[in-house]
């Protein structure tokens, strides 16, 4: 019988406390990086919690853990946003992005892992940035005229930075798992 904390992974594996701790640590690193990152334009700054969220989604592939990490990432970025009124857009964008990236990872699970990490980082950052900016505009936190400028000056450079960060960290994490003998995790294959 499984304990109350256990849920099923896609491959029938229980959720481990170590996975929760590792996911929390990755998001905490993203939080620290976000807290010291200065705004780039109009109070908006690159979102390094998002990069860490993508690493969590790629590593653990557990819907319960992934959704919890997405919600936690939303709360973290809502607390650290430099955009007045950016709290709700952060919560919405992380939730939408998490759900879409869970689907994308499942759909493309057979891709070479490094290629998958690159696609998740690019597509996920573009989705996140688009949802965030649209929500901020809808809520009046940003003028509509700034959408194009912010996409070009913040979202696209962040997509590039996140791609490098995610590809590197995911490759390192996969190698560490292999060395540690974690044979049962979906990310340890390939």
N, C-alpha and C. Protein backbone atom coordinates (compact mmCIF):
# COMPACT_ATOMS: atom_id res chain seq x y z
N UNK A 1 0.84 -1.18 0.00
CA UNK A 1 0.00 0.00 0.00
C UNK A 1 0.89 1.25 0.00
N UNK A 2 0.55 2.21 -0.85
CA UNK A 2 1.34 3.44 -0.93
C UNK A 2 0.97 4.37 0.21
N UNK A 3 1.96 5.20 0.62
CA UNK A 3 1.64 6.15 1.68
C UNK A 3 0.84 7.31 1.11
N UNK A 4 0.35 8.19 1.99
CA UNK A 4 -0.54 9.27 1.56
C UNK A 4 0.15 10.27 0.64
N UNK A 5 1.48 10.42 0.73
CA UNK A 5 2.20 11.37 -0.12
C UNK A 5 2.40 10.85 -1.54
N UNK A 6 2.29 9.56 -1.73
CA UNK A 6 2.63 8.98 -3.03
C UNK A 6 1.52 9.20 -4.04
N UNK A 7 1.92 9.53 -5.23
CA UNK A 7 1.02 9.60 -6.37
C UNK A 7 1.69 8.86 -7.50
N UNK A 8 0.97 8.66 -8.55
CA UNK A 8 1.53 7.89 -9.65
C UNK A 8 2.21 8.78 -10.67
N UNK A 9 3.40 8.40 -11.09
CA UNK A 9 4.08 9.03 -12.21
C UNK A 9 3.49 8.42 -13.47
N UNK A 10 3.89 8.94 -14.60
CA UNK A 10 3.45 8.38 -15.86
C UNK A 10 3.83 6.92 -16.01
N UNK A 11 4.88 6.49 -15.36
CA UNK A 11 5.36 5.12 -15.46
C UNK A 11 5.00 4.30 -14.22
N UNK A 12 4.09 4.78 -13.40
CA UNK A 12 3.65 4.02 -12.24
C UNK A 12 4.58 4.10 -11.05
N UNK A 13 5.46 5.09 -11.01
CA UNK A 13 6.39 5.23 -9.90
C UNK A 13 5.83 6.22 -8.88
N UNK A 14 6.07 5.98 -7.59
CA UNK A 14 5.55 6.90 -6.57
C UNK A 14 6.35 8.20 -6.55
N UNK A 15 5.68 9.24 -6.12
CA UNK A 15 6.34 10.53 -5.92
C UNK A 15 7.20 10.41 -4.67
N UNK A 16 8.45 10.79 -4.78
CA UNK A 16 9.39 10.66 -3.66
C UNK A 16 9.61 12.02 -3.00
N UNK A 17 9.84 11.97 -1.70
CA UNK A 17 10.15 13.19 -0.95
C UNK A 17 11.40 13.85 -1.52
N UNK A 18 12.36 13.04 -1.94
CA UNK A 18 13.59 13.59 -2.53
C UNK A 18 13.28 14.40 -3.80
N UNK A 19 12.29 13.95 -4.58
CA UNK A 19 11.89 14.70 -5.77
C UNK A 19 11.28 16.05 -5.38
N UNK A 20 10.44 16.03 -4.35
CA UNK A 20 9.85 17.28 -3.86
C UNK A 20 10.93 18.24 -3.37
N UNK A 21 11.89 17.71 -2.65
CA UNK A 21 12.98 18.55 -2.14
C UNK A 21 13.82 19.11 -3.27
N UNK A 22 14.13 18.28 -4.27
CA UNK A 22 14.93 18.75 -5.40
C UNK A 22 14.18 19.81 -6.20
N UNK A 23 12.88 19.59 -6.41
CA UNK A 23 12.08 20.59 -7.12
C UNK A 23 12.04 21.90 -6.34
N UNK A 24 11.86 21.81 -5.04
CA UNK A 24 11.85 23.01 -4.21
C UNK A 24 13.17 23.74 -4.24
N UNK A 25 14.26 22.99 -4.23
CA UNK A 25 15.59 23.60 -4.29
C UNK A 25 15.80 24.33 -5.61
N UNK A 26 15.40 23.70 -6.70
CA UNK A 26 15.54 24.35 -8.01
C UNK A 26 14.72 25.65 -8.07
N UNK A 27 13.49 25.60 -7.56
CA UNK A 27 12.67 26.82 -7.57
C UNK A 27 13.25 27.88 -6.63
N UNK A 28 13.83 27.45 -5.52
CA UNK A 28 14.47 28.41 -4.60
C UNK A 28 15.66 29.10 -5.25
N UNK A 29 16.44 28.35 -6.02
CA UNK A 29 17.55 28.95 -6.76
C UNK A 29 17.01 29.99 -7.74
N UNK A 30 15.94 29.63 -8.44
CA UNK A 30 15.31 30.58 -9.35
C UNK A 30 14.82 31.82 -8.63
N UNK A 31 14.27 31.63 -7.42
CA UNK A 31 13.80 32.75 -6.61
C UNK A 31 14.95 33.71 -6.29
N UNK A 32 16.06 33.17 -5.83
CA UNK A 32 17.21 34.00 -5.47
C UNK A 32 17.69 34.77 -6.71
N UNK A 33 17.78 34.09 -7.83
CA UNK A 33 18.20 34.76 -9.06
C UNK A 33 17.21 35.85 -9.46
N UNK A 34 15.91 35.57 -9.34
CA UNK A 34 14.90 36.59 -9.66
C UNK A 34 14.97 37.78 -8.71
N UNK A 35 15.25 37.51 -7.44
CA UNK A 35 15.28 38.59 -6.45
C UNK A 35 16.41 39.59 -6.72
N UNK A 36 17.51 39.11 -7.29
CA UNK A 36 18.64 40.01 -7.54
C UNK A 36 18.67 40.54 -8.98
N UNK A 37 17.80 40.03 -9.84
CA UNK A 37 17.76 40.45 -11.24
C UNK A 37 17.08 41.82 -11.37
N UNK A 38 17.77 42.79 -11.96
CA UNK A 38 17.15 44.11 -12.12
C UNK A 38 16.13 44.11 -13.26
N UNK A 39 15.13 45.00 -13.20
CA UNK A 39 14.18 45.11 -14.31
C UNK A 39 14.90 45.54 -15.59
N UNK A 40 14.42 45.06 -16.73
CA UNK A 40 15.03 45.37 -18.02
C UNK A 40 14.33 46.54 -18.69
N UNK A 41 12.99 46.48 -18.71
CA UNK A 41 12.22 47.51 -19.42
C UNK A 41 10.84 47.60 -18.79
N UNK A 42 10.39 48.80 -18.50
CA UNK A 42 9.05 49.07 -17.97
C UNK A 42 8.72 48.21 -16.75
N UNK A 43 9.70 47.95 -15.89
CA UNK A 43 9.46 47.18 -14.68
C UNK A 43 9.44 45.68 -14.89
N UNK A 44 9.68 45.21 -16.11
CA UNK A 44 9.64 43.78 -16.41
C UNK A 44 11.07 43.26 -16.46
N UNK A 45 11.28 42.06 -15.88
CA UNK A 45 12.61 41.47 -15.87
C UNK A 45 12.55 40.02 -16.33
N UNK A 46 13.67 39.48 -16.80
CA UNK A 46 13.71 38.06 -17.17
C UNK A 46 13.29 37.19 -15.99
N UNK A 47 12.72 36.04 -16.29
CA UNK A 47 12.13 35.17 -15.28
C UNK A 47 12.93 33.88 -15.16
N UNK A 48 13.88 33.85 -14.23
CA UNK A 48 14.72 32.68 -14.06
C UNK A 48 14.04 31.58 -13.25
N UNK A 49 12.98 31.92 -12.52
CA UNK A 49 12.17 30.87 -11.87
C UNK A 49 11.56 29.99 -12.97
N UNK A 50 11.21 30.60 -14.07
CA UNK A 50 10.63 29.85 -15.19
C UNK A 50 11.62 28.82 -15.72
N UNK A 51 12.87 29.19 -15.86
CA UNK A 51 13.88 28.23 -16.33
C UNK A 51 13.97 27.05 -15.37
N UNK A 52 13.96 27.33 -14.09
CA UNK A 52 14.02 26.25 -13.10
C UNK A 52 12.76 25.40 -13.14
N UNK A 53 11.62 26.03 -13.38
CA UNK A 53 10.37 25.27 -13.52
C UNK A 53 10.48 24.29 -14.68
N UNK A 54 11.05 24.72 -15.79
CA UNK A 54 11.19 23.82 -16.94
C UNK A 54 12.11 22.64 -16.62
N UNK A 55 13.15 22.89 -15.86
CA UNK A 55 14.04 21.79 -15.46
C UNK A 55 13.25 20.80 -14.59
N UNK A 56 12.45 21.30 -13.68
CA UNK A 56 11.62 20.43 -12.83
C UNK A 56 10.67 19.60 -13.70
N UNK A 57 9.98 20.24 -14.64
CA UNK A 57 9.03 19.52 -15.50
C UNK A 57 9.74 18.43 -16.31
N UNK A 58 10.91 18.73 -16.82
CA UNK A 58 11.66 17.77 -17.62
C UNK A 58 12.22 16.62 -16.77
N UNK A 59 12.66 16.91 -15.58
CA UNK A 59 13.27 15.89 -14.73
C UNK A 59 12.29 14.91 -14.12
N UNK A 60 11.19 15.41 -13.60
CA UNK A 60 10.34 14.56 -12.77
C UNK A 60 9.14 13.97 -13.50
N UNK A 61 8.58 14.64 -14.43
CA UNK A 61 7.48 14.11 -15.24
C UNK A 61 6.37 13.47 -14.40
N UNK A 62 6.01 14.14 -13.35
CA UNK A 62 4.96 13.69 -12.45
C UNK A 62 3.94 14.83 -12.40
N UNK A 63 2.74 14.57 -12.86
CA UNK A 63 1.75 15.64 -13.00
C UNK A 63 1.50 16.35 -11.68
N UNK A 64 1.38 15.61 -10.60
CA UNK A 64 1.12 16.22 -9.29
C UNK A 64 2.27 17.15 -8.89
N UNK A 65 3.48 16.65 -8.99
CA UNK A 65 4.66 17.45 -8.66
C UNK A 65 4.78 18.63 -9.62
N UNK A 66 4.55 18.39 -10.91
CA UNK A 66 4.68 19.45 -11.91
C UNK A 66 3.68 20.58 -11.68
N UNK A 67 2.43 20.23 -11.41
CA UNK A 67 1.41 21.26 -11.16
C UNK A 67 1.74 22.02 -9.88
N UNK A 68 2.15 21.30 -8.84
CA UNK A 68 2.54 21.97 -7.59
C UNK A 68 3.71 22.92 -7.83
N UNK A 69 4.69 22.46 -8.63
CA UNK A 69 5.85 23.32 -8.93
C UNK A 69 5.42 24.53 -9.74
N UNK A 70 4.50 24.35 -10.68
CA UNK A 70 4.00 25.47 -11.47
C UNK A 70 3.28 26.50 -10.61
N UNK A 71 2.46 26.03 -9.68
CA UNK A 71 1.76 26.94 -8.77
C UNK A 71 2.77 27.65 -7.85
N UNK A 72 3.75 26.90 -7.35
CA UNK A 72 4.78 27.50 -6.50
C UNK A 72 5.57 28.55 -7.28
N UNK A 73 5.90 28.24 -8.53
CA UNK A 73 6.63 29.20 -9.37
C UNK A 73 5.79 30.47 -9.57
N UNK A 74 4.49 30.30 -9.74
CA UNK A 74 3.60 31.45 -9.88
C UNK A 74 3.60 32.32 -8.64
N UNK A 75 3.55 31.69 -7.48
CA UNK A 75 3.56 32.43 -6.22
C UNK A 75 4.91 33.14 -6.04
N UNK A 76 5.99 32.42 -6.31
CA UNK A 76 7.33 33.03 -6.16
C UNK A 76 7.47 34.25 -7.05
N UNK A 77 7.09 34.13 -8.32
CA UNK A 77 7.24 35.27 -9.23
C UNK A 77 6.25 36.38 -8.90
N UNK A 78 5.09 36.02 -8.37
CA UNK A 78 4.15 37.05 -7.94
C UNK A 78 4.73 37.86 -6.78
N UNK A 79 5.44 37.17 -5.89
CA UNK A 79 6.04 37.86 -4.74
C UNK A 79 7.25 38.70 -5.11
N UNK A 80 7.93 38.34 -6.20
CA UNK A 80 9.16 39.04 -6.57
C UNK A 80 8.99 39.96 -7.78
N UNK A 81 7.78 40.07 -8.31
CA UNK A 81 7.59 40.90 -9.50
C UNK A 81 7.89 42.37 -9.20
N UNK A 82 8.50 43.02 -10.17
CA UNK A 82 8.77 44.46 -10.02
C UNK A 82 7.70 45.27 -10.75
N UNK A 83 6.76 44.60 -11.38
CA UNK A 83 5.68 45.27 -12.11
C UNK A 83 4.49 45.47 -11.19
N UNK A 84 4.12 46.70 -10.89
CA UNK A 84 2.90 46.92 -10.10
C UNK A 84 1.70 46.27 -10.79
N UNK A 85 0.99 45.43 -10.06
CA UNK A 85 -0.15 44.72 -10.65
C UNK A 85 0.25 43.45 -11.38
N UNK A 86 1.50 43.02 -11.23
CA UNK A 86 1.98 41.84 -11.95
C UNK A 86 1.74 40.52 -11.23
N UNK A 87 1.12 40.56 -10.05
CA UNK A 87 0.95 39.34 -9.28
C UNK A 87 0.02 38.33 -9.97
N UNK A 88 -1.16 38.77 -10.35
CA UNK A 88 -2.11 37.85 -11.00
C UNK A 88 -1.60 37.39 -12.36
N UNK A 89 -1.05 38.28 -13.19
CA UNK A 89 -0.47 37.78 -14.45
C UNK A 89 0.59 36.70 -14.24
N UNK A 90 1.40 36.81 -13.20
CA UNK A 90 2.40 35.78 -12.91
C UNK A 90 1.75 34.46 -12.55
N UNK A 91 0.75 34.50 -11.70
CA UNK A 91 0.05 33.26 -11.30
C UNK A 91 -0.61 32.59 -12.51
N UNK A 92 -1.26 33.38 -13.34
CA UNK A 92 -1.94 32.83 -14.51
C UNK A 92 -0.93 32.29 -15.51
N UNK A 93 0.11 33.05 -15.79
CA UNK A 93 1.06 32.61 -16.83
C UNK A 93 1.79 31.34 -16.41
N UNK A 94 2.16 31.20 -15.15
CA UNK A 94 2.87 29.98 -14.72
C UNK A 94 1.94 28.76 -14.76
N UNK A 95 0.68 28.96 -14.41
CA UNK A 95 -0.28 27.85 -14.45
C UNK A 95 -0.52 27.39 -15.88
N UNK A 96 -0.81 28.33 -16.76
CA UNK A 96 -1.06 27.99 -18.17
C UNK A 96 0.18 27.36 -18.79
N UNK A 97 1.34 27.96 -18.55
CA UNK A 97 2.58 27.45 -19.12
C UNK A 97 2.88 26.04 -18.62
N UNK A 98 2.71 25.82 -17.31
CA UNK A 98 2.96 24.49 -16.75
C UNK A 98 2.09 23.43 -17.42
N UNK A 99 0.80 23.70 -17.52
CA UNK A 99 -0.11 22.72 -18.12
C UNK A 99 0.24 22.45 -19.58
N UNK A 100 0.55 23.50 -20.33
CA UNK A 100 0.91 23.30 -21.74
C UNK A 100 2.24 22.56 -21.88
N UNK A 101 3.20 22.86 -21.02
CA UNK A 101 4.50 22.19 -21.13
C UNK A 101 4.42 20.73 -20.68
N UNK A 102 3.57 20.42 -19.71
CA UNK A 102 3.34 19.00 -19.35
C UNK A 102 2.86 18.26 -20.58
N UNK A 103 1.90 18.85 -21.29
CA UNK A 103 1.39 18.22 -22.51
C UNK A 103 2.45 18.11 -23.59
N UNK A 104 3.23 19.16 -23.79
CA UNK A 104 4.28 19.14 -24.82
C UNK A 104 5.33 18.09 -24.50
N UNK A 105 5.73 17.99 -23.25
CA UNK A 105 6.73 17.00 -22.85
C UNK A 105 6.20 15.58 -23.08
N UNK A 106 4.95 15.36 -22.75
CA UNK A 106 4.36 14.03 -23.00
C UNK A 106 4.26 13.73 -24.48
N UNK A 107 3.87 14.73 -25.25
CA UNK A 107 3.72 14.56 -26.69
C UNK A 107 5.06 14.27 -27.37
N UNK A 108 6.11 14.93 -26.92
CA UNK A 108 7.43 14.81 -27.55
C UNK A 108 8.42 14.00 -26.73
N UNK A 109 7.92 13.16 -25.84
CA UNK A 109 8.77 12.41 -24.91
C UNK A 109 9.82 11.54 -25.60
N UNK A 110 9.58 11.14 -26.83
CA UNK A 110 10.54 10.26 -27.51
C UNK A 110 11.68 11.03 -28.18
N UNK A 111 11.62 12.34 -28.15
CA UNK A 111 12.71 13.14 -28.71
C UNK A 111 13.99 12.96 -27.88
N UNK A 112 15.10 13.23 -28.51
CA UNK A 112 16.37 13.22 -27.81
C UNK A 112 16.26 14.23 -26.65
N UNK A 113 16.64 13.86 -25.43
CA UNK A 113 16.42 14.71 -24.26
C UNK A 113 16.94 16.14 -24.38
N UNK A 114 18.12 16.33 -24.95
CA UNK A 114 18.65 17.70 -25.07
C UNK A 114 17.81 18.53 -26.01
N UNK A 115 17.34 17.94 -27.11
CA UNK A 115 16.46 18.64 -28.04
C UNK A 115 15.13 18.99 -27.37
N UNK A 116 14.60 18.05 -26.60
CA UNK A 116 13.36 18.30 -25.87
C UNK A 116 13.52 19.47 -24.91
N UNK A 117 14.64 19.52 -24.21
CA UNK A 117 14.85 20.62 -23.25
C UNK A 117 14.92 21.97 -23.96
N UNK A 118 15.52 22.00 -25.13
CA UNK A 118 15.60 23.24 -25.91
C UNK A 118 14.21 23.68 -26.36
N UNK A 119 13.43 22.73 -26.87
CA UNK A 119 12.07 23.06 -27.32
C UNK A 119 11.19 23.54 -26.17
N UNK A 120 11.28 22.86 -25.04
CA UNK A 120 10.48 23.26 -23.88
C UNK A 120 10.87 24.66 -23.43
N UNK A 121 12.15 24.96 -23.38
CA UNK A 121 12.59 26.28 -22.94
C UNK A 121 12.12 27.38 -23.89
N UNK A 122 12.26 27.16 -25.19
CA UNK A 122 11.86 28.19 -26.16
C UNK A 122 10.35 28.37 -26.16
N UNK A 123 9.64 27.28 -26.40
CA UNK A 123 8.17 27.36 -26.50
C UNK A 123 7.58 27.82 -25.16
N UNK A 124 8.06 27.25 -24.07
CA UNK A 124 7.53 27.60 -22.76
C UNK A 124 7.74 29.05 -22.39
N UNK A 125 8.92 29.58 -22.69
CA UNK A 125 9.18 30.99 -22.39
C UNK A 125 8.32 31.90 -23.25
N UNK A 126 8.16 31.55 -24.51
CA UNK A 126 7.30 32.37 -25.38
C UNK A 126 5.84 32.33 -24.92
N UNK A 127 5.37 31.15 -24.53
CA UNK A 127 4.00 31.04 -24.01
C UNK A 127 3.86 31.86 -22.74
N UNK A 128 4.80 31.66 -21.82
CA UNK A 128 4.75 32.36 -20.54
C UNK A 128 4.78 33.88 -20.73
N UNK A 129 5.70 34.35 -21.54
CA UNK A 129 5.81 35.79 -21.78
C UNK A 129 4.57 36.37 -22.43
N UNK A 130 4.03 35.64 -23.40
CA UNK A 130 2.83 36.11 -24.09
C UNK A 130 1.64 36.17 -23.13
N UNK A 131 1.44 35.11 -22.36
CA UNK A 131 0.32 35.09 -21.41
C UNK A 131 0.50 36.18 -20.35
N UNK A 132 1.72 36.31 -19.83
CA UNK A 132 1.98 37.34 -18.82
C UNK A 132 1.66 38.73 -19.36
N UNK A 133 2.20 39.05 -20.53
CA UNK A 133 2.00 40.40 -21.07
C UNK A 133 0.53 40.65 -21.39
N UNK A 134 -0.14 39.67 -21.98
CA UNK A 134 -1.57 39.85 -22.31
C UNK A 134 -2.40 40.04 -21.04
N UNK A 135 -2.10 39.26 -19.99
CA UNK A 135 -2.83 39.42 -18.73
C UNK A 135 -2.53 40.78 -18.10
N UNK A 136 -1.27 41.20 -18.13
CA UNK A 136 -0.91 42.50 -17.55
C UNK A 136 -1.59 43.64 -18.30
N UNK A 137 -1.69 43.51 -19.61
CA UNK A 137 -2.38 44.53 -20.41
C UNK A 137 -3.87 44.51 -20.10
N UNK A 138 -4.45 43.31 -20.04
CA UNK A 138 -5.88 43.17 -19.72
C UNK A 138 -6.22 43.79 -18.37
N UNK A 139 -5.33 43.64 -17.41
CA UNK A 139 -5.57 44.14 -16.06
C UNK A 139 -5.17 45.60 -15.89
N UNK A 140 -4.62 46.20 -16.93
CA UNK A 140 -4.23 47.60 -16.87
C UNK A 140 -2.87 47.85 -16.24
N UNK A 141 -2.10 46.79 -16.01
CA UNK A 141 -0.77 46.96 -15.42
C UNK A 141 0.24 47.46 -16.45
N UNK A 142 -0.04 47.22 -17.72
CA UNK A 142 0.82 47.68 -18.82
C UNK A 142 -0.06 48.28 -19.92
N UNK A 143 0.43 49.30 -20.60
CA UNK A 143 -0.32 49.82 -21.75
C UNK A 143 -0.21 48.83 -22.92
N UNK A 144 -1.27 48.71 -23.68
CA UNK A 144 -1.31 47.77 -24.81
C UNK A 144 -0.19 48.02 -25.81
N UNK A 145 0.21 49.27 -25.96
CA UNK A 145 1.24 49.62 -26.94
C UNK A 145 2.61 49.02 -26.61
N UNK A 146 2.80 48.54 -25.38
CA UNK A 146 4.11 48.01 -24.99
C UNK A 146 4.29 46.53 -25.35
N UNK A 147 3.24 45.85 -25.80
CA UNK A 147 3.32 44.41 -26.03
C UNK A 147 4.46 44.05 -26.98
N UNK A 148 4.48 44.66 -28.14
CA UNK A 148 5.51 44.32 -29.14
C UNK A 148 6.92 44.62 -28.62
N UNK A 149 7.07 45.79 -28.01
CA UNK A 149 8.38 46.18 -27.48
C UNK A 149 8.86 45.21 -26.42
N UNK A 150 7.97 44.83 -25.51
CA UNK A 150 8.35 43.90 -24.44
C UNK A 150 8.62 42.50 -24.98
N UNK A 151 7.88 42.08 -25.99
CA UNK A 151 8.16 40.78 -26.61
C UNK A 151 9.58 40.77 -27.18
N UNK A 152 9.94 41.86 -27.85
CA UNK A 152 11.25 41.94 -28.50
C UNK A 152 12.40 42.19 -27.52
N UNK A 153 12.15 43.00 -26.49
CA UNK A 153 13.25 43.38 -25.60
C UNK A 153 13.37 42.53 -24.34
N UNK A 154 12.30 41.84 -23.95
CA UNK A 154 12.35 41.04 -22.73
C UNK A 154 12.08 39.56 -23.01
N UNK A 155 10.96 39.26 -23.67
CA UNK A 155 10.56 37.85 -23.83
C UNK A 155 11.53 37.09 -24.74
N UNK A 156 11.86 37.63 -25.89
CA UNK A 156 12.77 36.91 -26.79
C UNK A 156 14.17 36.73 -26.20
N UNK A 157 14.78 37.77 -25.61
CA UNK A 157 16.07 37.54 -24.96
C UNK A 157 15.97 36.55 -23.78
N UNK A 158 14.87 36.60 -23.04
CA UNK A 158 14.67 35.65 -21.95
C UNK A 158 14.54 34.23 -22.48
N UNK A 159 13.86 34.08 -23.63
CA UNK A 159 13.74 32.74 -24.25
C UNK A 159 15.13 32.20 -24.60
N UNK A 160 15.98 33.06 -25.12
CA UNK A 160 17.34 32.65 -25.45
C UNK A 160 18.11 32.27 -24.19
N UNK A 161 18.06 33.12 -23.17
CA UNK A 161 18.76 32.84 -21.91
C UNK A 161 18.23 31.57 -21.26
N UNK A 162 16.91 31.42 -21.21
CA UNK A 162 16.31 30.24 -20.60
C UNK A 162 16.71 28.97 -21.35
N UNK A 163 16.83 29.06 -22.66
CA UNK A 163 17.22 27.90 -23.46
C UNK A 163 18.60 27.42 -23.06
N UNK A 164 19.53 28.35 -22.91
CA UNK A 164 20.89 27.99 -22.51
C UNK A 164 20.89 27.42 -21.10
N UNK A 165 20.21 28.09 -20.17
CA UNK A 165 20.17 27.67 -18.77
C UNK A 165 19.52 26.29 -18.64
N UNK A 166 18.36 26.11 -19.27
CA UNK A 166 17.63 24.85 -19.16
C UNK A 166 18.42 23.70 -19.80
N UNK A 167 18.94 23.91 -20.99
CA UNK A 167 19.70 22.85 -21.66
C UNK A 167 20.89 22.43 -20.82
N UNK A 168 21.60 23.40 -20.25
CA UNK A 168 22.77 23.09 -19.43
C UNK A 168 22.37 22.37 -18.14
N UNK A 169 21.44 22.95 -17.39
CA UNK A 169 21.05 22.36 -16.10
C UNK A 169 20.40 21.00 -16.26
N UNK A 170 19.60 20.83 -17.31
CA UNK A 170 18.95 19.54 -17.53
C UNK A 170 19.99 18.47 -17.87
N UNK A 171 20.96 18.82 -18.70
CA UNK A 171 22.01 17.86 -19.03
C UNK A 171 22.82 17.48 -17.79
N UNK A 172 23.14 18.47 -16.96
CA UNK A 172 23.89 18.20 -15.72
C UNK A 172 23.06 17.32 -14.78
N UNK A 173 21.78 17.64 -14.62
CA UNK A 173 20.92 16.87 -13.73
C UNK A 173 20.75 15.43 -14.21
N UNK A 174 20.61 15.25 -15.51
CA UNK A 174 20.49 13.89 -16.07
C UNK A 174 21.77 13.10 -15.82
N UNK A 175 22.90 13.73 -16.03
CA UNK A 175 24.19 13.06 -15.79
C UNK A 175 24.34 12.69 -14.31
N UNK A 176 23.95 13.59 -13.43
CA UNK A 176 24.04 13.32 -11.99
C UNK A 176 23.13 12.16 -11.60
N UNK A 177 21.94 12.11 -12.18
CA UNK A 177 21.02 11.00 -11.90
C UNK A 177 21.61 9.67 -12.37
N UNK A 178 22.21 9.68 -13.54
CA UNK A 178 22.82 8.45 -14.05
C UNK A 178 23.95 8.00 -13.12
N UNK A 179 24.77 8.94 -12.71
CA UNK A 179 25.88 8.61 -11.82
C UNK A 179 25.39 8.11 -10.47
N UNK A 180 24.28 8.66 -10.01
CA UNK A 180 23.72 8.25 -8.72
C UNK A 180 22.95 6.94 -8.81
N UNK A 181 22.76 6.46 -10.03
CA UNK A 181 22.06 5.19 -10.21
C UNK A 181 20.55 5.28 -10.16
N UNK A 182 20.02 6.47 -10.41
CA UNK A 182 18.56 6.65 -10.44
C UNK A 182 18.02 6.12 -11.76
N UNK A 183 17.84 4.82 -11.85
CA UNK A 183 17.44 4.19 -13.11
C UNK A 183 15.95 4.32 -13.39
N UNK A 184 15.15 4.58 -12.40
CA UNK A 184 13.70 4.55 -12.59
C UNK A 184 13.10 5.86 -13.08
N UNK A 185 13.85 6.96 -13.03
CA UNK A 185 13.30 8.25 -13.44
C UNK A 185 13.26 8.36 -14.96
N UNK A 186 12.16 8.89 -15.52
CA UNK A 186 12.06 9.03 -16.98
C UNK A 186 13.17 9.87 -17.57
N UNK A 187 13.68 10.84 -16.82
CA UNK A 187 14.72 11.72 -17.35
C UNK A 187 16.08 11.03 -17.39
N UNK A 188 16.24 9.87 -16.74
CA UNK A 188 17.55 9.23 -16.71
C UNK A 188 17.81 8.40 -17.97
N UNK A 189 16.78 8.25 -18.80
CA UNK A 189 16.97 7.49 -20.04
C UNK A 189 17.54 8.42 -21.09
N UNK A 190 18.15 7.88 -22.10
CA UNK A 190 18.58 8.66 -23.25
C UNK A 190 19.98 9.03 -23.18
